[in-house]
């Protein structure tokens, strides 16, 4: 999964999904490599967890690049990492390129649909498109959008699971 190059700061090195998540997570609070792995496992319900052999070298590389730093050494000599000013700036740039990242995600979605079949991804793809469209709705129209989504949710619940 760490070859999923989706996020690319302008005039900078492309970043993969794991790196983006590390930036995002460390932006909230400093964490150890173990904490990051556990958090990714929790967020995906254990379905996807990068290996220690992926995350720890990545943390070392990001530290060498000056994007993260050891904020403190915790119990049992655990390194607790935090973002540097340069790391915060990189995360801000990546977040500002949301549209480009979205387009790349859609390309990967299309490849996965080709490989595994559209049935598997059609509902998830539609939900992703709804989310992307909702993010673009101006503030003055968000109440109307909420009403549409709430109505759709009620209709979906009415269909219910198969008995």
N, C-alpha and C. Protein backbone atom coordinates (compact mmCIF):
# COMPACT_ATOMS: atom_id res chain seq x y z
N UNK A 1 0.82 -1.20 0.00
CA UNK A 1 0.00 0.00 0.00
C UNK A 1 0.86 1.26 0.00
N UNK A 2 2.10 1.17 0.48
CA UNK A 2 2.89 2.39 0.51
C UNK A 2 3.33 2.84 -0.88
N UNK A 3 2.96 2.11 -1.94
CA UNK A 3 3.22 2.57 -3.30
C UNK A 3 2.06 3.37 -3.84
N UNK A 4 1.07 3.62 -3.05
CA UNK A 4 -0.09 4.40 -3.47
C UNK A 4 0.28 5.88 -3.36
N UNK A 5 0.92 6.39 -4.41
CA UNK A 5 1.39 7.77 -4.42
C UNK A 5 0.27 8.68 -4.85
N UNK A 6 -0.37 9.31 -3.91
CA UNK A 6 -1.52 10.12 -4.23
C UNK A 6 -1.27 11.60 -4.00
N UNK A 7 -0.45 11.92 -3.07
CA UNK A 7 -0.33 13.29 -2.62
C UNK A 7 1.03 13.84 -3.01
N UNK A 8 1.04 14.95 -3.70
CA UNK A 8 2.28 15.49 -4.23
C UNK A 8 2.37 16.99 -3.98
N UNK A 9 3.16 17.40 -2.99
CA UNK A 9 3.33 18.83 -2.79
C UNK A 9 3.98 19.43 -4.03
N UNK A 10 3.52 20.57 -4.45
CA UNK A 10 4.08 21.22 -5.64
C UNK A 10 5.59 21.38 -5.48
N UNK A 11 6.30 21.05 -6.54
CA UNK A 11 7.76 21.15 -6.56
C UNK A 11 8.39 20.41 -5.39
N UNK A 12 7.81 19.30 -5.00
CA UNK A 12 8.35 18.53 -3.90
C UNK A 12 8.23 17.04 -4.17
N UNK A 13 8.61 16.28 -3.19
CA UNK A 13 8.57 14.83 -3.29
C UNK A 13 7.14 14.34 -3.15
N UNK A 14 6.77 13.34 -3.97
CA UNK A 14 5.43 12.76 -3.82
C UNK A 14 5.36 12.04 -2.48
N UNK A 15 4.18 12.02 -1.91
CA UNK A 15 3.98 11.37 -0.62
C UNK A 15 2.92 10.30 -0.75
N UNK A 16 3.12 9.21 -0.06
CA UNK A 16 2.16 8.12 -0.11
C UNK A 16 1.13 8.28 1.02
N UNK A 17 0.16 7.40 0.98
CA UNK A 17 -0.95 7.48 1.94
C UNK A 17 -0.47 7.30 3.38
N UNK A 18 0.46 6.41 3.60
CA UNK A 18 0.98 6.20 4.96
C UNK A 18 1.63 7.48 5.48
N UNK A 19 2.44 8.10 4.63
CA UNK A 19 3.12 9.33 5.03
C UNK A 19 2.12 10.43 5.35
N UNK A 20 1.11 10.56 4.50
CA UNK A 20 0.09 11.57 4.75
C UNK A 20 -0.60 11.32 6.08
N UNK A 21 -0.92 10.05 6.34
CA UNK A 21 -1.58 9.75 7.61
C UNK A 21 -0.66 10.06 8.79
N UNK A 22 0.62 9.76 8.66
CA UNK A 22 1.57 10.07 9.74
C UNK A 22 1.60 11.58 9.98
N UNK A 23 1.69 12.37 8.90
CA UNK A 23 1.66 13.83 9.07
C UNK A 23 0.38 14.27 9.79
N UNK A 24 -0.75 13.76 9.30
CA UNK A 24 -2.05 14.12 9.87
C UNK A 24 -2.11 13.76 11.36
N UNK A 25 -1.70 12.56 11.68
CA UNK A 25 -1.78 12.09 13.07
C UNK A 25 -0.84 12.87 13.98
N UNK A 26 0.39 13.10 13.52
CA UNK A 26 1.34 13.84 14.34
C UNK A 26 0.98 15.31 14.45
N UNK A 27 0.19 15.81 13.52
CA UNK A 27 -0.27 17.19 13.61
C UNK A 27 -1.23 17.34 14.78
N UNK A 28 -1.94 16.28 15.10
CA UNK A 28 -2.87 16.32 16.24
C UNK A 28 -2.15 16.20 17.57
N UNK A 29 -1.16 15.28 17.63
CA UNK A 29 -0.36 15.13 18.85
C UNK A 29 0.84 14.23 18.57
N UNK A 30 1.93 14.41 19.31
CA UNK A 30 3.11 13.56 19.12
C UNK A 30 2.78 12.10 19.46
N UNK A 31 3.42 11.17 18.71
CA UNK A 31 3.16 9.74 18.91
C UNK A 31 4.41 8.94 18.60
N UNK A 32 4.43 7.73 19.12
CA UNK A 32 5.50 6.78 18.80
C UNK A 32 5.11 6.01 17.54
N UNK A 33 6.07 5.31 16.97
CA UNK A 33 5.78 4.45 15.82
C UNK A 33 4.72 3.42 16.17
N UNK A 34 4.84 2.84 17.36
CA UNK A 34 3.86 1.85 17.81
C UNK A 34 2.46 2.47 17.88
N UNK A 35 2.38 3.69 18.42
CA UNK A 35 1.08 4.37 18.52
C UNK A 35 0.47 4.60 17.14
N UNK A 36 1.31 4.98 16.17
CA UNK A 36 0.83 5.20 14.80
C UNK A 36 0.31 3.91 14.19
N UNK A 37 1.06 2.82 14.37
CA UNK A 37 0.62 1.51 13.84
C UNK A 37 -0.71 1.09 14.47
N UNK A 38 -0.81 1.25 15.78
CA UNK A 38 -2.04 0.88 16.49
C UNK A 38 -3.21 1.72 16.00
N UNK A 39 -2.97 3.01 15.83
CA UNK A 39 -4.02 3.91 15.37
C UNK A 39 -4.50 3.53 13.96
N UNK A 40 -3.56 3.21 13.06
CA UNK A 40 -3.95 2.79 11.71
C UNK A 40 -4.75 1.49 11.75
N UNK A 41 -4.34 0.59 12.61
CA UNK A 41 -5.07 -0.66 12.77
C UNK A 41 -6.49 -0.40 13.28
N UNK A 42 -6.60 0.47 14.28
CA UNK A 42 -7.92 0.81 14.84
C UNK A 42 -8.81 1.48 13.79
N UNK A 43 -8.23 2.39 13.01
CA UNK A 43 -9.02 3.13 12.01
C UNK A 43 -9.53 2.22 10.90
N UNK A 44 -8.80 1.14 10.61
CA UNK A 44 -9.23 0.24 9.54
C UNK A 44 -9.84 -1.05 10.08
N UNK A 45 -10.12 -1.08 11.37
CA UNK A 45 -10.70 -2.28 11.97
C UNK A 45 -9.76 -3.47 11.85
N UNK A 46 -8.45 -3.21 11.78
CA UNK A 46 -7.46 -4.26 11.67
C UNK A 46 -7.32 -4.83 10.26
N UNK A 47 -8.12 -4.31 9.32
CA UNK A 47 -8.09 -4.84 7.95
C UNK A 47 -6.81 -4.47 7.23
N UNK A 48 -6.21 -3.35 7.58
CA UNK A 48 -4.97 -2.95 6.94
C UNK A 48 -4.07 -2.29 7.96
N UNK A 49 -2.89 -2.88 8.12
CA UNK A 49 -1.89 -2.31 9.02
C UNK A 49 -0.55 -2.43 8.31
N UNK A 50 0.12 -1.31 8.06
CA UNK A 50 1.43 -1.42 7.45
C UNK A 50 2.39 -2.13 8.41
N UNK A 51 3.40 -2.74 7.86
CA UNK A 51 4.36 -3.47 8.70
C UNK A 51 5.28 -2.51 9.43
N UNK A 52 5.87 -3.00 10.50
CA UNK A 52 6.88 -2.21 11.22
C UNK A 52 8.04 -1.89 10.27
N UNK A 53 8.33 -2.84 9.37
CA UNK A 53 9.41 -2.67 8.40
C UNK A 53 9.13 -1.58 7.38
N UNK A 54 7.88 -1.13 7.31
CA UNK A 54 7.52 0.00 6.45
C UNK A 54 7.51 1.29 7.25
N UNK A 55 6.88 1.27 8.41
CA UNK A 55 6.66 2.50 9.18
C UNK A 55 7.94 3.03 9.84
N UNK A 56 8.71 2.16 10.48
CA UNK A 56 9.88 2.66 11.20
C UNK A 56 10.95 3.26 10.26
N UNK A 57 11.27 2.62 9.13
CA UNK A 57 12.19 3.27 8.20
C UNK A 57 11.62 4.57 7.63
N UNK A 58 10.31 4.61 7.42
CA UNK A 58 9.67 5.83 6.93
C UNK A 58 9.82 6.96 7.95
N UNK A 59 9.60 6.65 9.22
CA UNK A 59 9.78 7.66 10.27
C UNK A 59 11.22 8.17 10.28
N UNK A 60 12.19 7.26 10.14
CA UNK A 60 13.60 7.64 10.11
C UNK A 60 13.87 8.56 8.92
N UNK A 61 13.29 8.22 7.77
CA UNK A 61 13.47 9.01 6.56
C UNK A 61 12.84 10.40 6.71
N UNK A 62 11.66 10.47 7.27
CA UNK A 62 10.99 11.76 7.48
C UNK A 62 11.76 12.62 8.48
N UNK A 63 12.37 11.96 9.46
CA UNK A 63 13.20 12.69 10.43
C UNK A 63 14.44 13.25 9.72
N UNK A 64 15.07 12.44 8.86
CA UNK A 64 16.25 12.90 8.11
C UNK A 64 15.90 14.08 7.21
N UNK A 65 14.69 14.06 6.64
CA UNK A 65 14.25 15.16 5.77
C UNK A 65 13.89 16.42 6.56
N UNK A 66 13.83 16.28 7.89
CA UNK A 66 13.50 17.44 8.72
C UNK A 66 12.01 17.72 8.81
N UNK A 67 11.18 16.71 8.48
CA UNK A 67 9.72 16.90 8.50
C UNK A 67 9.11 16.48 9.84
N UNK A 68 9.77 15.55 10.53
CA UNK A 68 9.37 15.18 11.88
C UNK A 68 10.61 15.19 12.76
N UNK A 69 10.40 15.20 14.05
CA UNK A 69 11.51 15.19 14.99
C UNK A 69 11.11 14.35 16.20
N UNK A 70 12.12 13.89 16.92
CA UNK A 70 11.83 13.20 18.17
C UNK A 70 11.47 14.29 19.17
N UNK A 71 10.22 14.31 19.58
CA UNK A 71 9.73 15.34 20.50
C UNK A 71 10.14 14.99 21.93
N UNK A 72 10.18 13.70 22.21
CA UNK A 72 10.60 13.24 23.54
C UNK A 72 10.92 11.76 23.45
N UNK A 73 11.59 11.27 24.45
CA UNK A 73 11.86 9.84 24.55
C UNK A 73 11.00 9.34 25.70
N UNK A 74 10.08 8.44 25.36
CA UNK A 74 9.13 7.94 26.34
C UNK A 74 9.65 6.74 27.11
N UNK A 75 8.74 6.04 27.74
CA UNK A 75 9.07 4.84 28.51
C UNK A 75 9.77 3.83 27.60
N UNK A 76 10.68 3.09 28.17
CA UNK A 76 11.44 2.06 27.45
C UNK A 76 12.16 2.64 26.23
N UNK A 77 12.60 3.88 26.33
CA UNK A 77 13.35 4.56 25.27
C UNK A 77 12.58 4.65 23.95
N UNK A 78 11.27 4.74 24.03
CA UNK A 78 10.43 4.89 22.84
C UNK A 78 10.54 6.31 22.33
N UNK A 79 10.82 6.45 21.03
CA UNK A 79 10.84 7.79 20.42
C UNK A 79 9.41 8.25 20.18
N UNK A 80 9.10 9.44 20.68
CA UNK A 80 7.80 10.06 20.45
C UNK A 80 8.04 11.16 19.42
N UNK A 81 7.39 11.02 18.25
CA UNK A 81 7.63 11.94 17.15
C UNK A 81 6.59 13.05 17.09
N UNK A 82 7.03 14.20 16.61
CA UNK A 82 6.14 15.33 16.36
C UNK A 82 6.54 15.96 15.04
N UNK A 83 5.64 16.74 14.47
CA UNK A 83 5.94 17.44 13.22
C UNK A 83 6.87 18.62 13.48
N UNK A 84 7.75 18.88 12.55
CA UNK A 84 8.55 20.09 12.59
C UNK A 84 7.75 21.18 11.87
N UNK A 85 8.27 22.39 11.87
CA UNK A 85 7.61 23.47 11.14
C UNK A 85 7.53 23.12 9.64
N UNK A 86 8.59 22.51 9.14
CA UNK A 86 8.62 22.10 7.72
C UNK A 86 7.57 21.00 7.46
N UNK A 87 7.41 20.09 8.41
CA UNK A 87 6.39 19.05 8.28
C UNK A 87 4.98 19.63 8.29
N UNK A 88 4.76 20.60 9.15
CA UNK A 88 3.45 21.27 9.19
C UNK A 88 3.16 21.98 7.87
N UNK A 89 4.19 22.62 7.32
CA UNK A 89 4.05 23.32 6.04
C UNK A 89 3.74 22.31 4.92
N UNK A 90 4.44 21.19 4.91
CA UNK A 90 4.20 20.15 3.90
C UNK A 90 2.77 19.63 3.99
N UNK A 91 2.30 19.37 5.20
CA UNK A 91 0.93 18.90 5.38
C UNK A 91 -0.07 19.93 4.88
N UNK A 92 0.19 21.18 5.17
CA UNK A 92 -0.71 22.25 4.71
C UNK A 92 -0.75 22.30 3.18
N UNK A 93 0.39 22.15 2.53
CA UNK A 93 0.45 22.15 1.07
C UNK A 93 -0.33 20.96 0.51
N UNK A 94 -0.11 19.79 1.08
CA UNK A 94 -0.81 18.59 0.62
C UNK A 94 -2.32 18.77 0.77
N UNK A 95 -2.75 19.28 1.91
CA UNK A 95 -4.19 19.47 2.12
C UNK A 95 -4.77 20.49 1.15
N UNK A 96 -3.97 21.48 0.77
CA UNK A 96 -4.47 22.49 -0.16
C UNK A 96 -4.62 21.94 -1.58
N UNK A 97 -4.00 20.82 -1.85
CA UNK A 97 -4.08 20.18 -3.16
C UNK A 97 -5.12 19.06 -3.18
N UNK A 98 -6.16 19.23 -2.42
CA UNK A 98 -7.20 18.22 -2.27
C UNK A 98 -7.78 17.76 -3.60
N UNK A 99 -8.02 18.68 -4.52
CA UNK A 99 -8.62 18.33 -5.80
C UNK A 99 -7.71 17.40 -6.60
N UNK A 100 -6.42 17.73 -6.68
CA UNK A 100 -5.47 16.86 -7.38
C UNK A 100 -5.42 15.49 -6.74
N UNK A 101 -5.41 15.44 -5.42
CA UNK A 101 -5.37 14.16 -4.71
C UNK A 101 -6.64 13.37 -4.97
N UNK A 102 -7.76 14.03 -5.01
CA UNK A 102 -9.04 13.39 -5.28
C UNK A 102 -9.02 12.74 -6.67
N UNK A 103 -8.49 13.47 -7.65
CA UNK A 103 -8.41 12.94 -9.01
C UNK A 103 -7.54 11.69 -9.05
N UNK A 104 -6.43 11.70 -8.34
CA UNK A 104 -5.57 10.52 -8.29
C UNK A 104 -6.28 9.35 -7.61
N UNK A 105 -7.00 9.62 -6.54
CA UNK A 105 -7.76 8.55 -5.88
C UNK A 105 -8.76 7.93 -6.83
N UNK A 106 -9.41 8.75 -7.62
CA UNK A 106 -10.39 8.25 -8.59
C UNK A 106 -9.71 7.37 -9.63
N UNK A 107 -8.51 7.71 -10.03
CA UNK A 107 -7.77 6.87 -10.98
C UNK A 107 -7.50 5.50 -10.37
N UNK A 108 -7.08 5.46 -9.12
CA UNK A 108 -6.83 4.19 -8.46
C UNK A 108 -8.13 3.40 -8.31
N UNK A 109 -9.21 4.10 -8.01
CA UNK A 109 -10.51 3.44 -7.90
C UNK A 109 -10.87 2.77 -9.22
N UNK A 110 -10.64 3.47 -10.31
CA UNK A 110 -10.94 2.91 -11.63
C UNK A 110 -10.10 1.67 -11.91
N UNK A 111 -8.83 1.68 -11.53
CA UNK A 111 -7.98 0.50 -11.71
C UNK A 111 -8.50 -0.67 -10.89
N UNK A 112 -8.86 -0.40 -9.65
CA UNK A 112 -9.37 -1.46 -8.78
C UNK A 112 -10.69 -2.02 -9.29
N UNK A 113 -11.53 -1.16 -9.84
CA UNK A 113 -12.79 -1.63 -10.43
C UNK A 113 -12.51 -2.55 -11.60
N UNK A 114 -11.52 -2.20 -12.40
CA UNK A 114 -11.15 -3.02 -13.54
C UNK A 114 -10.67 -4.41 -13.08
N UNK A 115 -9.88 -4.43 -12.03
CA UNK A 115 -9.30 -5.69 -11.55
C UNK A 115 -10.33 -6.54 -10.83
N UNK A 116 -11.10 -5.95 -9.92
CA UNK A 116 -11.99 -6.72 -9.06
C UNK A 116 -13.46 -6.70 -9.47
N UNK A 117 -13.79 -5.87 -10.41
CA UNK A 117 -15.17 -5.80 -10.85
C UNK A 117 -15.90 -4.61 -10.27
N UNK A 118 -16.76 -4.02 -11.09
CA UNK A 118 -17.47 -2.80 -10.70
C UNK A 118 -18.43 -3.03 -9.55
N UNK A 119 -19.00 -4.24 -9.47
CA UNK A 119 -19.99 -4.49 -8.40
C UNK A 119 -19.43 -4.20 -7.03
N UNK A 120 -18.17 -4.58 -6.83
CA UNK A 120 -17.54 -4.40 -5.51
C UNK A 120 -17.38 -2.92 -5.16
N UNK A 121 -17.14 -2.10 -6.17
CA UNK A 121 -16.81 -0.71 -5.90
C UNK A 121 -17.90 0.29 -6.26
N UNK A 122 -18.96 -0.16 -6.90
CA UNK A 122 -19.94 0.80 -7.38
C UNK A 122 -20.58 1.59 -6.24
N UNK A 123 -21.01 0.93 -5.18
CA UNK A 123 -21.64 1.64 -4.07
C UNK A 123 -20.62 2.52 -3.34
N UNK A 124 -19.44 1.96 -3.05
CA UNK A 124 -18.41 2.75 -2.37
C UNK A 124 -17.98 3.93 -3.24
N UNK A 125 -17.88 3.70 -4.55
CA UNK A 125 -17.49 4.77 -5.46
C UNK A 125 -18.51 5.88 -5.48
N UNK A 126 -19.78 5.50 -5.49
CA UNK A 126 -20.85 6.49 -5.47
C UNK A 126 -20.81 7.30 -4.17
N UNK A 127 -20.59 6.62 -3.06
CA UNK A 127 -20.50 7.31 -1.77
C UNK A 127 -19.32 8.28 -1.75
N UNK A 128 -18.20 7.85 -2.36
CA UNK A 128 -17.04 8.73 -2.43
C UNK A 128 -17.35 9.96 -3.28
N UNK A 129 -18.04 9.76 -4.40
CA UNK A 129 -18.40 10.89 -5.26
C UNK A 129 -19.36 11.84 -4.53
N UNK A 130 -20.28 11.28 -3.75
CA UNK A 130 -21.21 12.12 -2.96
C UNK A 130 -20.41 12.96 -1.96
N UNK A 131 -19.45 12.32 -1.32
CA UNK A 131 -18.62 13.05 -0.34
C UNK A 131 -17.86 14.18 -1.03
N UNK A 132 -17.24 13.88 -2.17
CA UNK A 132 -16.49 14.91 -2.89
C UNK A 132 -17.41 16.06 -3.30
N UNK A 133 -18.60 15.73 -3.80
CA UNK A 133 -19.54 16.76 -4.22
C UNK A 133 -19.98 17.60 -3.01
N UNK A 134 -20.22 16.94 -1.88
CA UNK A 134 -20.67 17.64 -0.67
C UNK A 134 -19.61 18.63 -0.18
N UNK A 135 -18.35 18.27 -0.34
CA UNK A 135 -17.27 19.17 0.10
C UNK A 135 -17.23 20.46 -0.70
N UNK A 136 -17.78 20.43 -1.91
CA UNK A 136 -17.75 21.60 -2.78
C UNK A 136 -18.98 22.50 -2.63
N UNK A 137 -19.95 22.08 -1.85
CA UNK A 137 -21.18 22.84 -1.70
C UNK A 137 -20.92 24.10 -0.87
N UNK A 138 -21.35 25.25 -1.37
CA UNK A 138 -21.14 26.49 -0.61
C UNK A 138 -21.91 26.47 0.71
N UNK A 139 -21.40 27.17 1.68
CA UNK A 139 -21.97 27.19 3.03
C UNK A 139 -23.46 27.51 3.03
N UNK A 140 -23.89 28.43 2.17
CA UNK A 140 -25.31 28.84 2.18
C UNK A 140 -26.24 27.75 1.65
N UNK A 141 -25.68 26.71 1.03
CA UNK A 141 -26.52 25.63 0.49
C UNK A 141 -26.36 24.32 1.27
N UNK A 142 -25.62 24.34 2.34
CA UNK A 142 -25.34 23.11 3.09
C UNK A 142 -26.57 22.56 3.79
N UNK A 143 -27.46 23.43 4.28
CA UNK A 143 -28.69 22.93 4.92
C UNK A 143 -29.54 22.16 3.93
N UNK A 144 -29.64 22.66 2.71
CA UNK A 144 -30.40 21.96 1.68
C UNK A 144 -29.74 20.61 1.36
N UNK A 145 -28.42 20.59 1.28
CA UNK A 145 -27.69 19.35 1.01
C UNK A 145 -27.91 18.35 2.14
N UNK A 146 -27.89 18.83 3.38
CA UNK A 146 -28.13 17.95 4.53
C UNK A 146 -29.52 17.32 4.44
N UNK A 147 -30.50 18.10 4.08
CA UNK A 147 -31.86 17.59 3.96
C UNK A 147 -31.94 16.49 2.90
N UNK A 148 -31.27 16.70 1.77
CA UNK A 148 -31.26 15.69 0.71
C UNK A 148 -30.59 14.41 1.20
N UNK A 149 -29.46 14.54 1.87
CA UNK A 149 -28.75 13.37 2.36
C UNK A 149 -29.53 12.64 3.45
N UNK A 150 -30.18 13.39 4.33
CA UNK A 150 -30.99 12.76 5.38
C UNK A 150 -32.16 11.99 4.77
N UNK A 151 -32.80 12.56 3.75
CA UNK A 151 -33.89 11.89 3.06
C UNK A 151 -33.39 10.60 2.38
N UNK A 152 -32.24 10.70 1.76
CA UNK A 152 -31.64 9.52 1.11
C UNK A 152 -31.31 8.44 2.13
N UNK A 153 -30.80 8.84 3.26
CA UNK A 153 -30.47 7.89 4.32
C UNK A 153 -31.73 7.16 4.80
N UNK A 154 -32.79 7.89 5.00
CA UNK A 154 -34.05 7.27 5.43
C UNK A 154 -34.55 6.25 4.40
N UNK A 155 -34.43 6.59 3.12
CA UNK A 155 -34.85 5.68 2.06
C UNK A 155 -33.98 4.43 2.04
N UNK A 156 -32.68 4.59 2.25
CA UNK A 156 -31.79 3.43 2.30
C UNK A 156 -32.11 2.53 3.49
N UNK A 157 -32.39 3.15 4.63
CA UNK A 157 -32.77 2.36 5.80
C UNK A 157 -34.06 1.60 5.58
N UNK A 158 -34.98 2.20 4.82
CA UNK A 158 -36.27 1.54 4.52
C UNK A 158 -36.08 0.28 3.69
N UNK A 159 -35.05 0.29 2.82
CA UNK A 159 -34.74 -0.90 2.03
C UNK A 159 -34.32 -2.02 2.95
N UNK A 160 -33.49 -1.67 3.94
CA UNK A 160 -33.08 -2.61 4.97
C UNK A 160 -32.21 -3.74 4.46
N UNK A 161 -31.61 -4.46 5.40
CA UNK A 161 -30.77 -5.60 5.03
C UNK A 161 -31.64 -6.77 4.55
N UNK A 162 -31.01 -7.63 3.77
CA UNK A 162 -31.75 -8.83 3.29
C UNK A 162 -32.06 -9.72 4.47
N UNK A 163 -33.26 -10.28 4.48
CA UNK A 163 -33.65 -11.17 5.59
C UNK A 163 -33.24 -12.60 5.32
